[in-house]
Protein backbone atom coordinates (compact mmCIF):
# COMPACT_ATOMS: atom_id res chain seq x y z
CA MET A 1 157.74 152.49 52.63
CA VAL A 2 156.80 150.35 49.46
CA GLN A 3 153.79 148.11 50.10
CA SER A 4 153.70 144.81 48.69
CA ILE A 5 151.76 144.85 45.66
CA ILE A 6 149.51 142.11 44.24
CA VAL A 7 148.27 142.01 40.28
CA GLU A 8 145.39 138.86 40.09
CA THR A 9 144.63 137.74 37.16
CA VAL A 10 142.80 134.76 35.70
CA ILE A 11 145.08 133.68 33.31
CA PRO A 12 148.86 134.62 33.32
CA LEU A 13 150.07 137.97 32.35
CA SER A 14 152.44 137.47 28.82
CA THR A 15 155.74 138.77 29.18
CA ASP A 16 154.26 142.64 27.28
CA GLN A 17 151.46 142.97 29.84
CA LYS A 18 154.13 142.29 32.84
CA ALA A 19 155.82 145.37 30.88
CA VAL A 20 152.87 147.87 30.78
CA VAL A 21 151.69 147.17 35.02
CA SER A 22 155.39 147.19 36.24
CA THR A 23 155.47 150.45 34.33
CA LEU A 24 151.49 151.98 35.36
CA LEU A 25 152.59 150.61 38.83
CA LYS A 26 156.35 152.79 38.44
CA SER A 27 154.44 156.08 38.19
CA LYS A 28 151.73 155.58 40.43
CA PHE A 29 153.70 153.86 43.16
CA GLY A 30 157.66 154.28 42.28
CA THR A 31 158.06 150.16 42.04
CA PRO A 32 157.71 148.25 39.29
CA SER A 33 157.62 145.16 41.47
CA PHE A 34 155.12 143.26 41.39
CA THR A 35 153.91 139.63 43.00
CA GLU A 36 151.29 137.51 40.38
CA LYS A 37 147.73 136.19 41.95
CA LEU A 38 146.21 133.79 39.52
CA ASN A 39 142.99 133.48 40.45
CA PRO A 40 139.74 132.22 38.40
CA SER A 41 137.07 134.02 39.99
CA ILE A 42 137.50 136.82 39.36
CA LEU A 43 136.10 135.19 35.96
CA GLY A 44 138.06 138.02 33.70
CA GLY A 45 139.76 141.37 34.05
CA VAL A 46 142.42 142.93 36.53
CA ARG A 47 142.13 143.60 40.18
CA ILE A 48 145.54 144.73 41.90
CA MET A 49 145.65 145.15 45.96
CA VAL A 50 148.41 147.70 47.28
CA GLY A 51 148.29 147.37 50.83
CA SER A 52 144.84 146.86 52.09
CA THR A 53 143.36 148.99 48.93
CA GLN A 54 141.37 147.23 46.39
CA TYR A 55 141.56 148.68 42.07
CA ASP A 56 139.03 145.89 40.89
CA ALA A 57 138.67 146.23 37.10
CA THR A 58 137.69 142.43 37.04
CA LEU A 59 134.05 140.84 35.24
CA ALA A 60 133.32 139.46 38.69
CA GLY A 61 133.13 143.06 40.79
CA LYS A 62 131.11 144.48 37.95
CA LEU A 63 128.65 141.78 37.87
CA ALA A 64 128.62 141.83 41.94
CA GLN A 65 128.05 145.62 41.48
CA LEU A 66 125.04 145.26 38.87
CA ARG A 67 123.08 143.07 41.57
CA HIS A 68 123.78 145.77 43.20
CA ILE A 69 121.26 148.53 40.36
């Protein structure tokens, strides 16, 4: 069963960026489908949520990691 995939960014993805994300998701999870969500609080980068698993490559996530060093 394919879980829902949400891709969060600060600004909308371009057509080319959506194609790259779709290709990566298809190779990793077997589906190219995702819901795009705009989230200015991440400051930059991308966060991908697959079900309850989160892949965080955001500036906000990196800053949070630095606070714990």
